[in-house]
Amino acid sequence: MWLPPLGGYRLPAARPAPIVFRVAVLSSLRPLHHRSFALVWSAALVSNIGSWMQTVAVGILVTARTGQAGWTGLVAAAAFLPIGLLSPIGGLMADRMDRRRWLLATTTGEMCFAAALTVVGTAARPDPAVITLLVFGGGAMAAVGFPAYQAMLPDLVPAVELRAAISLSSAQFNLGRVIGPALAGATIVAGGYSWAFALNAVSFAAVLVALALVRLPPPLLTATPEPLLRRLAEGARATAADPGCRLAVALISVVALTASPFIALVPAVAIKVFRSGSSGTTVLITAQGVGAVVGALALTPLVRRYGQRRVLVADLTVLCFALGGYAAAPDLAVAAAAILLVGGSYIGVLAGCNTIIQLRAAPALRGRVLGIYMMALGILYPIGSLAQGALADAVGLRAVTTAGASLLLVVVALAVARRSAVLDEEHQHLPTVG
C-alpha cells in the first residue's frame, strides 16, 4: 500500500472567511442542481433512513435477546458479507445491463426481505438465526445492486462535479444514520421492532419512483458477449494494472479489518460498557452520523485547498486517535464526542478511496472495478466484526477497539514512509470547479 510524501505543497493565499464558506457550500452542493442526481439522492436518503431504522432495531433486538456481543457482530456481518461475496457479480451486471432497470429489480428484492423481517419481528420471541438469515438476504440484494448505483454517478453529473457528488452521496448515507436511529428509538417505543422493519420496507418505494423518472445512457456492450468468468477476470486485471485502483483496494482492506468493526459493535458498547440500552445506541450512532455528514460536506473544499493526499492521511490519522479516545471514554457523553470525530474521519477515508476508483476506472469497466473494491470491504468488514465481537466477549470491547486503532496507525505510518505519488497525481488530474 502506497501513500505519497507530506511535502511539496504551496498553500493558496488566505481569503475572507465568509467567501471561503460560500465557496465551500457551493462546491459541495452543486451536483443537486442536476434533476436526475437530485431525484436519486433524495430517494436514497429516504431509503437509508429506513435502512438505518432497521439496522438499529435489529442490533438492539439481537443484543437484548442473546446478551452476547458475538451475535451483534454476526448479524452485522450478515448484512455486509454478501457485499464481499456478490459485489463482483453486481459490478458485472452494472457493466452489462441497463443500470436503472437492474436497480429497480434489486431494490424490489430488498423491499421483500424487509417485509419478511416485519412479519418475523411480530413474534413474541423472534429467533435470532432467522433474523440473521433475512438480514443476509436483504444484504445480498443490496450487494448486487449497489455497484450499479455507484457506477451511474458519473452519468448523473459532469466530471467536474464527480467528487462533490460522491461526497454528497456519503453525506446522504450518513444523514440517514442521524435521522434513522432517532426514528428507530421512537418507533420501537411506540410500536415495537416490527414497526421499524415495516417503515424500512415502505421506504424502498421512494427509490423505485425516482428510478422510474431518470434516464441513463445505454450500457457499453462488446460486439460479442464474453463469458462471465472472462469478464470478471477483465475487471480484476484492470484493478491490478492501475496503481490508483490498487491503492484504493489495499487501503480499504486494511481499514475494513481494523477500524470498520466499531460500527457493528456500537449496540454492544452502549449496552455492555455504558449500560444505556437502546437510548445509548441511538446517541452513539447519531453522533457518528453527524460527524460523517459534516466530514462529507467538508471533504470537497478541503481536498481542493490541501490536496487529496494530505486530506486522506489526515483522515486516517484522526480516525486512529479518535477510535482510541472512543475506546477509553469514561462515560457515554465522552464516547459520543469521540465517535463524532470517528464518523467524520472515517467517511473521509471511504469517500477518498471511492473517488480514486471512479476517476481511474474506464467507463466500460467501472462497475467491475467498483465491485472488486466493494468485495474487499464486504469480505474483510464482516470478518473483522466477527473476530472483534468474539474477542470482545473474552477480553473486553475497550481493549479490542484500542488494538484495532493501534494496528491501523502502524499501517498508516508504514504506508506514509513508503512515499508514493499516486494520490498527488489524482489531485493534479482532477477537474476543478471554476
Protein backbone atom coordinates (compact mmCIF):
# COMPACT_ATOMS: atom_id res chain seq x y z
CA MET A 1 0.00 0.00 0.00
CA TRP A 2 1.42 3.38 -1.02
CA LEU A 3 0.79 6.89 0.23
CA PRO A 4 2.60 10.00 -1.01
CA PRO A 5 5.07 12.20 0.88
CA LEU A 6 4.00 15.06 3.07
CA GLY A 7 5.93 17.93 1.49
CA GLY A 8 5.70 19.87 -1.73
CA TYR A 9 2.53 21.94 -1.27
CA ARG A 10 2.15 25.69 -1.51
CA LEU A 11 -1.00 26.84 0.25
CA PRO A 12 -3.17 29.40 -1.51
CA ALA A 13 -3.45 32.92 -0.17
CA ALA A 14 -5.94 33.34 2.64
CA ARG A 15 -9.40 34.59 1.71
CA PRO A 16 -12.03 36.20 3.92
CA ALA A 17 -13.93 33.60 5.95
CA PRO A 18 -17.40 34.39 4.52
CA ILE A 19 -16.11 33.93 0.94
CA VAL A 20 -14.38 30.67 1.84
CA PHE A 21 -17.59 29.42 3.47
CA ARG A 22 -19.73 30.32 0.45
CA VAL A 23 -17.31 28.66 -1.97
CA ALA A 24 -17.22 25.52 0.20
CA VAL A 25 -21.00 25.28 0.38
CA LEU A 26 -21.49 25.90 -3.35
CA SER A 27 -18.84 23.39 -4.40
CA SER A 28 -20.30 20.74 -2.09
CA LEU A 29 -23.95 21.22 -3.12
CA ARG A 30 -23.56 21.95 -6.84
CA PRO A 31 -24.50 18.38 -8.01
CA LEU A 32 -28.00 18.86 -6.55
CA HIS A 33 -28.71 21.35 -9.37
CA HIS A 34 -28.98 18.37 -11.74
CA ARG A 35 -32.51 16.93 -11.72
CA SER A 36 -31.58 13.26 -12.10
CA PHE A 37 -28.96 13.38 -9.37
CA ALA A 38 -31.29 15.27 -7.03
CA LEU A 39 -34.05 12.70 -7.58
CA VAL A 40 -31.79 9.71 -6.92
CA TRP A 41 -30.07 11.43 -3.98
CA SER A 42 -33.37 12.34 -2.28
CA ALA A 43 -34.85 8.88 -2.76
CA ALA A 44 -31.69 7.21 -1.47
CA LEU A 45 -31.88 9.42 1.63
CA VAL A 46 -35.42 8.23 2.37
CA SER A 47 -34.37 4.62 1.85
CA ASN A 48 -31.26 4.97 4.00
CA ILE A 49 -33.31 6.43 6.84
CA GLY A 50 -35.43 3.29 6.71
CA SER A 51 -32.38 1.05 6.44
CA TRP A 52 -30.78 2.63 9.50
CA MET A 53 -34.01 2.24 11.41
CA GLN A 54 -33.87 -1.47 10.62
CA THR A 55 -30.13 -1.73 11.39
CA VAL A 56 -30.54 -0.16 14.82
CA ALA A 57 -33.67 -2.17 15.61
CA VAL A 58 -32.00 -5.44 14.58
CA GLY A 59 -28.88 -4.69 16.61
CA ILE A 60 -30.85 -3.85 19.73
CA LEU A 61 -33.22 -6.80 19.31
CA VAL A 62 -30.48 -9.39 18.82
CA THR A 63 -28.26 -7.99 21.59
CA ALA A 64 -31.15 -7.85 24.06
CA ARG A 65 -32.38 -11.29 23.01
CA THR A 66 -28.98 -13.05 23.34
CA GLY A 67 -26.89 -10.81 25.61
CA GLN A 68 -23.80 -11.59 23.52
CA ALA A 69 -21.58 -9.22 21.50
CA GLY A 70 -20.77 -12.16 19.23
CA TRP A 71 -24.38 -12.24 17.99
CA THR A 72 -24.26 -8.48 17.49
CA GLY A 73 -21.22 -8.87 15.25
CA LEU A 74 -22.80 -11.83 13.46
CA VAL A 75 -25.99 -10.04 12.43
CA ALA A 76 -23.95 -7.04 11.26
CA ALA A 77 -21.71 -9.39 9.30
CA ALA A 78 -24.78 -10.98 7.70
CA ALA A 79 -25.72 -7.59 6.25
CA PHE A 80 -22.27 -6.92 4.79
CA LEU A 81 -20.87 -10.37 3.94
CA PRO A 82 -22.95 -10.51 0.72
CA ILE A 83 -21.09 -7.40 -0.42
CA GLY A 84 -17.87 -9.39 -0.34
CA LEU A 85 -19.40 -12.42 -1.99
CA LEU A 86 -21.63 -10.83 -4.62
CA SER A 87 -20.31 -7.34 -5.41
CA PRO A 88 -18.21 -8.57 -8.35
CA ILE A 89 -21.37 -10.09 -9.85
CA GLY A 90 -23.20 -6.83 -9.21
CA GLY A 91 -20.38 -4.93 -10.88
CA LEU A 92 -20.55 -7.22 -13.89
CA MET A 93 -24.29 -6.67 -14.19
CA ALA A 94 -23.77 -2.90 -13.85
CA ASP A 95 -21.46 -3.01 -16.89
CA ARG A 96 -23.68 -5.35 -18.87
CA MET A 97 -27.29 -4.27 -18.22
CA ASP A 98 -29.34 -1.12 -18.08
CA ARG A 99 -28.25 0.13 -14.64
CA ARG A 100 -31.59 1.76 -13.90
CA ARG A 101 -33.59 -1.40 -14.59
CA TRP A 102 -31.15 -3.52 -12.62
CA LEU A 103 -31.52 -1.21 -9.62
CA LEU A 104 -35.30 -1.40 -9.91
CA ALA A 105 -35.11 -5.19 -9.67
CA THR A 106 -32.66 -5.34 -6.76
CA THR A 107 -34.49 -2.63 -4.80
CA THR A 108 -37.71 -4.62 -5.13
CA GLY A 109 -35.85 -7.60 -3.69
CA GLU A 110 -34.67 -5.55 -0.71
CA MET A 111 -38.25 -4.45 -0.09
CA CYS A 112 -39.42 -8.07 0.01
CA PHE A 113 -36.82 -9.13 2.59
CA ALA A 114 -37.67 -6.11 4.76
CA ALA A 115 -41.33 -7.10 4.60
CA ALA A 116 -40.46 -10.66 5.67
CA LEU A 117 -38.45 -9.30 8.59
CA THR A 118 -41.51 -7.28 9.60
CA VAL A 119 -43.51 -10.48 9.91
CA VAL A 120 -40.81 -12.21 11.96
CA GLY A 121 -40.49 -9.16 14.22
CA THR A 122 -44.09 -9.56 15.38
CA ALA A 123 -43.25 -12.84 17.17
CA ALA A 124 -43.07 -12.83 20.96
CA ARG A 125 -39.52 -14.28 20.93
CA PRO A 126 -38.02 -13.79 17.44
CA ASP A 127 -35.36 -16.33 16.53
CA PRO A 128 -32.00 -14.50 16.08
CA ALA A 129 -30.94 -17.09 13.49
CA VAL A 130 -33.99 -16.35 11.32
CA ILE A 131 -33.40 -12.63 11.69
CA THR A 132 -29.78 -13.11 10.62
CA LEU A 133 -30.82 -15.08 7.53
CA LEU A 134 -33.31 -12.41 6.45
CA VAL A 135 -30.73 -9.68 7.01
CA PHE A 136 -28.35 -11.71 4.85
CA GLY A 137 -30.96 -11.92 2.09
CA GLY A 138 -31.52 -8.18 2.11
CA GLY A 139 -27.78 -7.65 2.09
CA ALA A 140 -27.49 -9.90 -0.96
CA MET A 141 -29.97 -7.75 -2.89
CA ALA A 142 -28.08 -4.62 -1.88
CA ALA A 143 -24.74 -6.18 -2.83
CA VAL A 144 -25.73 -6.95 -6.41
CA GLY A 145 -27.42 -3.56 -6.82
CA PHE A 146 -25.05 -1.10 -5.17
CA PRO A 147 -22.26 -1.27 -7.80
CA ALA A 148 -24.83 -0.09 -10.35
CA TYR A 149 -25.73 2.86 -8.12
CA GLN A 150 -22.06 3.77 -7.71
CA ALA A 151 -21.28 3.31 -11.42
CA MET A 152 -24.18 5.52 -12.51
CA LEU A 153 -22.98 8.59 -10.56
CA PRO A 154 -20.70 9.79 -13.40
CA ASP A 155 -23.75 9.57 -15.69
CA LEU A 156 -25.76 11.90 -13.43
CA VAL A 157 -23.27 14.78 -13.07
CA PRO A 158 -20.43 16.30 -15.12
CA ALA A 159 -16.90 15.04 -14.39
CA VAL A 160 -16.03 18.37 -12.79
CA GLU A 161 -18.63 17.70 -10.06
CA LEU A 162 -17.96 14.00 -9.51
CA ARG A 163 -16.02 14.37 -6.26
CA ALA A 164 -18.78 16.59 -4.84
CA ALA A 165 -21.40 14.05 -5.96
CA ILE A 166 -19.55 11.23 -4.20
CA SER A 167 -19.21 13.35 -1.06
CA LEU A 168 -22.91 14.22 -1.17
CA SER A 169 -23.76 10.54 -1.54
CA SER A 170 -21.67 9.83 1.56
CA ALA A 171 -23.38 12.70 3.38
CA GLN A 172 -26.78 11.37 2.36
CA PHE A 173 -25.96 7.91 3.66
CA ASN A 174 -24.83 9.32 6.99
CA LEU A 175 -27.68 11.80 7.24
CA GLY A 176 -29.82 8.67 7.22
CA ARG A 177 -27.59 7.43 10.04
CA VAL A 178 -28.50 10.58 12.01
CA ILE A 179 -32.25 10.54 11.38
CA GLY A 180 -32.81 6.78 11.25
CA PRO A 181 -31.63 5.87 14.78
CA ALA A 182 -33.66 8.67 16.32
CA LEU A 183 -36.77 7.49 14.48
CA ALA A 184 -35.93 3.89 15.34
CA GLY A 185 -35.84 4.64 19.07
CA ALA A 186 -39.18 6.44 18.95
CA THR A 187 -40.72 3.76 16.72
CA ILE A 188 -39.59 0.88 18.94
CA VAL A 189 -41.07 2.59 21.99
CA ALA A 190 -44.34 3.38 20.18
CA GLY A 191 -44.96 0.15 18.32
CA GLY A 192 -42.11 -2.32 18.68
CA TYR A 193 -39.38 -3.66 16.43
CA SER A 194 -41.74 -4.73 13.64
CA TRP A 195 -42.80 -1.13 13.05
CA ALA A 196 -39.20 -0.13 12.35
CA PHE A 197 -38.87 -3.04 9.90
CA ALA A 198 -42.16 -2.12 8.19
CA LEU A 199 -41.14 1.51 7.70
CA ASN A 200 -37.92 0.33 6.10
CA ALA A 201 -39.88 -1.81 3.65
CA VAL A 202 -42.05 1.17 2.69
CA SER A 203 -39.00 3.46 2.27
CA PHE A 204 -37.79 1.49 -0.75
CA ALA A 205 -40.78 2.81 -2.70
CA ALA A 206 -39.05 6.21 -2.89
CA VAL A 207 -36.14 4.66 -4.78
CA LEU A 208 -38.47 2.86 -7.19
CA VAL A 209 -40.27 6.12 -8.01
CA ALA A 210 -37.03 8.08 -8.51
CA LEU A 211 -35.52 5.42 -10.77
CA ALA A 212 -38.69 5.41 -12.86
CA LEU A 213 -38.17 9.14 -13.55
CA VAL A 214 -34.50 9.17 -14.58
CA ARG A 215 -32.84 8.04 -17.80
CA LEU A 216 -29.27 6.81 -18.18
CA PRO A 217 -27.01 6.15 -21.18
CA PRO A 218 -27.26 2.59 -22.55
CA PRO A 219 -24.65 0.08 -21.35
CA LEU A 220 -21.39 -0.16 -23.32
CA LEU A 221 -21.70 -3.66 -24.79
CA THR A 222 -18.94 -5.58 -26.53
CA ALA A 223 -19.59 -6.78 -30.06
CA THR A 224 -19.55 -10.42 -28.89
CA PRO A 225 -20.72 -11.13 -25.35
CA GLU A 226 -17.90 -12.68 -23.30
CA PRO A 227 -18.26 -15.49 -20.75
CA LEU A 228 -18.93 -14.48 -17.17
CA LEU A 229 -15.59 -15.55 -15.74
CA ARG A 230 -13.67 -13.81 -18.52
CA ARG A 231 -15.47 -10.54 -17.89
CA LEU A 232 -14.83 -10.81 -14.15
CA ALA A 233 -11.16 -11.54 -14.81
CA GLU A 234 -11.01 -8.49 -17.06
CA GLY A 235 -12.20 -6.32 -14.18
CA ALA A 236 -9.63 -7.87 -11.82
CA ARG A 237 -6.82 -7.24 -14.30
CA ALA A 238 -7.91 -3.62 -14.76
CA THR A 239 -7.89 -3.13 -10.98
CA ALA A 240 -4.44 -4.68 -10.59
CA ALA A 241 -2.98 -2.74 -13.53
CA ASP A 242 -3.87 0.72 -12.26
CA PRO A 243 -1.81 1.99 -9.28
CA GLY A 244 -4.62 4.22 -8.02
CA CYS A 245 -7.17 1.40 -8.02
CA ARG A 246 -4.67 -0.90 -6.32
CA LEU A 247 -4.09 1.72 -3.65
CA ALA A 248 -7.81 2.20 -3.00
CA VAL A 249 -8.46 -1.55 -2.68
CA ALA A 250 -5.43 -2.11 -0.40
CA LEU A 251 -6.29 0.83 1.82
CA ILE A 252 -9.95 -0.04 2.24
CA SER A 253 -8.98 -3.64 3.02
CA VAL A 254 -6.85 -2.60 5.99
CA VAL A 255 -9.41 -0.10 7.25
CA ALA A 256 -12.25 -2.64 6.94
CA LEU A 257 -10.38 -5.20 9.02
CA THR A 258 -9.05 -2.93 11.77
CA ALA A 259 -11.36 0.10 12.10
CA SER A 260 -14.71 -0.58 10.46
CA PRO A 261 -15.91 -3.17 13.03
CA PHE A 262 -16.61 -0.36 15.50
CA ILE A 263 -19.83 0.22 13.50
CA ALA A 264 -21.15 -3.29 14.14
CA LEU A 265 -20.24 -3.18 17.82
CA VAL A 266 -21.93 0.13 18.72
CA PRO A 267 -25.01 -1.61 20.23
CA ALA A 268 -22.74 -3.86 22.30
CA VAL A 269 -20.72 -0.85 23.54
CA ALA A 270 -23.88 1.01 24.52
CA ILE A 271 -25.41 -1.98 26.31
CA LYS A 272 -22.40 -3.78 27.81
CA VAL A 273 -19.99 -0.88 28.50
CA PHE A 274 -22.26 2.07 29.30
CA ARG A 275 -25.38 0.13 30.39
CA SER A 276 -27.57 2.52 28.40
CA GLY A 277 -29.54 0.16 26.13
CA SER A 278 -31.38 1.47 23.07
CA SER A 279 -31.04 5.11 24.10
CA GLY A 280 -27.25 4.80 24.26
CA THR A 281 -27.15 3.05 20.90
CA THR A 282 -29.18 5.88 19.38
CA VAL A 283 -26.87 8.52 20.88
CA LEU A 284 -23.69 6.88 19.59
CA ILE A 285 -24.97 6.11 16.10
CA THR A 286 -26.46 9.58 15.77
CA ALA A 287 -23.21 11.22 16.86
CA GLN A 288 -21.28 9.15 14.36
CA GLY A 289 -23.73 10.14 11.63
CA VAL A 290 -23.49 13.85 12.45
CA GLY A 291 -19.72 13.65 12.24
CA ALA A 292 -19.90 11.80 8.95
CA VAL A 293 -22.29 14.33 7.39
CA VAL A 294 -20.05 17.24 8.39
CA GLY A 295 -16.96 15.37 7.21
CA ALA A 296 -18.51 14.51 3.86
CA LEU A 297 -19.63 18.09 3.16
CA ALA A 298 -16.23 19.45 4.17
CA LEU A 299 -14.29 16.97 2.03
CA THR A 300 -14.57 18.69 -1.37
CA PRO A 301 -13.33 22.15 -0.26
CA LEU A 302 -10.61 20.58 1.91
CA VAL A 303 -9.27 18.49 -0.96
CA ARG A 304 -9.32 21.47 -3.31
CA ARG A 305 -7.34 23.52 -0.79
CA TYR A 306 -4.87 20.98 0.61
CA GLY A 307 -4.81 18.09 -1.85
CA GLN A 308 -6.14 14.53 -1.81
CA ARG A 309 -3.04 13.05 -0.17
CA ARG A 310 -2.87 15.41 2.78
CA VAL A 311 -6.59 15.11 3.50
CA LEU A 312 -6.57 11.32 3.26
CA VAL A 313 -3.51 10.96 5.52
CA ALA A 314 -5.09 13.39 8.00
CA ASP A 315 -8.38 11.46 7.98
CA LEU A 316 -6.56 8.18 8.59
CA THR A 317 -4.58 9.65 11.48
CA VAL A 318 -7.59 11.28 13.11
CA LEU A 319 -9.54 8.03 12.71
CA CYS A 320 -6.90 6.09 14.67
CA PHE A 321 -6.70 8.53 17.58
CA ALA A 322 -10.46 9.14 17.67
CA LEU A 323 -11.10 5.38 17.88
CA GLY A 324 -8.62 5.21 20.76
CA GLY A 325 -10.49 8.00 22.52
CA TYR A 326 -13.80 6.25 21.91
CA ALA A 327 -12.44 3.03 23.43
CA ALA A 328 -11.13 4.85 26.51
CA ALA A 329 -14.18 7.10 27.06
CA PRO A 330 -15.25 7.09 30.74
CA ASP A 331 -18.91 7.78 30.00
CA LEU A 332 -21.46 7.99 27.20
CA ALA A 333 -21.06 11.74 26.63
CA VAL A 334 -17.30 11.48 26.03
CA ALA A 335 -17.83 8.42 23.83
CA ALA A 336 -20.34 10.38 21.72
CA ALA A 337 -17.84 13.23 21.25
CA ALA A 338 -15.12 10.78 20.22
CA ILE A 339 -17.32 8.83 17.82
CA LEU A 340 -18.35 12.10 16.17
CA LEU A 341 -14.69 12.55 15.17
CA VAL A 342 -14.57 8.90 14.15
CA GLY A 343 -17.54 9.42 11.84
CA GLY A 344 -16.05 12.47 10.12
CA SER A 345 -12.64 10.93 9.51
CA TYR A 346 -14.00 7.51 8.54
CA ILE A 347 -16.24 8.92 5.83
CA GLY A 348 -13.30 10.94 4.53
CA VAL A 349 -11.31 7.74 4.06
CA LEU A 350 -14.17 5.93 2.31
CA ALA A 351 -15.04 8.84 0.03
CA GLY A 352 -11.38 9.39 -0.85
CA CYS A 353 -10.89 5.77 -1.90
CA ASN A 354 -14.17 5.74 -3.82
CA THR A 355 -13.19 8.89 -5.72
CA ILE A 356 -9.93 7.30 -6.83
CA ILE A 357 -11.82 4.32 -8.28
CA GLN A 358 -14.42 6.48 -10.02
CA LEU A 359 -11.78 8.66 -11.66
CA ARG A 360 -9.28 5.96 -12.64
CA ALA A 361 -11.54 3.13 -13.88
CA ALA A 362 -12.55 3.12 -17.54
CA PRO A 363 -16.32 3.67 -18.06
CA ALA A 364 -16.81 0.22 -19.60
CA LEU A 365 -15.05 -1.39 -16.62
CA ARG A 366 -16.20 0.92 -13.84
CA GLY A 367 -18.86 -1.39 -12.45
CA ARG A 368 -16.49 -4.37 -12.23
CA VAL A 369 -13.67 -2.38 -10.62
CA LEU A 370 -16.14 -0.95 -8.10
CA GLY A 371 -17.38 -4.49 -7.48
CA ILE A 372 -13.85 -5.63 -6.60
CA TYR A 373 -13.38 -2.62 -4.32
CA MET A 374 -16.65 -3.38 -2.56
CA MET A 375 -15.73 -7.08 -2.38
CA ALA A 376 -12.65 -6.19 -0.34
CA LEU A 377 -14.75 -4.07 2.02
CA GLY A 378 -17.56 -6.61 2.13
CA ILE A 379 -15.35 -9.59 2.97
CA LEU A 380 -13.00 -8.01 5.48
CA TYR A 381 -15.53 -5.89 7.38
CA PRO A 382 -17.67 -8.88 8.48
CA ILE A 383 -14.53 -10.89 9.22
CA GLY A 384 -13.29 -8.06 11.40
CA SER A 385 -16.70 -7.68 13.02
CA LEU A 386 -16.93 -11.37 13.86
CA ALA A 387 -13.35 -11.52 15.13
CA GLN A 388 -13.60 -8.35 17.21
CA GLY A 389 -17.02 -9.37 18.57
CA ALA A 390 -15.69 -12.77 19.66
CA LEU A 391 -12.53 -11.25 21.15
CA ALA A 392 -14.61 -8.62 22.94
CA ASP A 393 -16.54 -11.34 24.76
CA ALA A 394 -13.19 -12.66 26.01
CA VAL A 395 -11.06 -9.57 26.70
CA GLY A 396 -13.48 -6.63 26.56
CA LEU A 397 -14.74 -4.17 23.97
CA ARG A 398 -12.39 -1.38 25.02
CA ALA A 399 -9.27 -3.48 24.56
CA VAL A 400 -10.33 -4.79 21.14
CA THR A 401 -11.19 -1.34 19.76
CA THR A 402 -7.90 0.08 21.03
CA ALA A 403 -5.93 -2.75 19.44
CA GLY A 404 -7.63 -2.22 16.07
CA ALA A 405 -6.91 1.52 16.13
CA SER A 406 -3.28 0.92 17.09
CA LEU A 407 -2.76 -1.59 14.30
CA LEU A 408 -4.23 0.80 11.74
CA LEU A 409 -1.96 3.61 12.98
CA VAL A 410 1.10 1.40 12.48
CA VAL A 411 0.00 0.55 8.94
CA VAL A 412 -0.64 4.23 8.11
CA ALA A 413 2.82 5.19 9.41
CA LEU A 414 4.47 2.48 7.32
CA ALA A 415 2.45 3.46 4.25
CA VAL A 416 3.40 7.13 4.52
CA ALA A 417 7.04 6.10 4.86
CA ARG A 418 6.81 4.29 1.51
CA ARG A 419 6.26 7.66 -0.21
CA SER A 420 4.06 7.20 -3.30
CA ALA A 421 2.87 9.94 -5.66
CA VAL A 422 -0.34 8.20 -6.73
CA LEU A 423 -2.68 10.44 -4.77
CA ASP A 424 -0.80 13.57 -5.80
CA GLU A 425 -1.40 12.55 -9.41
CA GLU A 426 -5.10 12.10 -8.66
CA HIS A 427 -5.28 15.66 -7.34
CA GLN A 428 -3.40 17.09 -10.33
CA HIS A 429 -5.67 15.43 -12.91
CA LEU A 430 -8.98 16.06 -11.18
CA PRO A 431 -11.17 18.70 -12.88
CA THR A 432 -11.88 21.69 -10.68
CA VAL A 433 -14.98 23.80 -10.30
CA GLY A 434 -14.39 27.28 -11.62
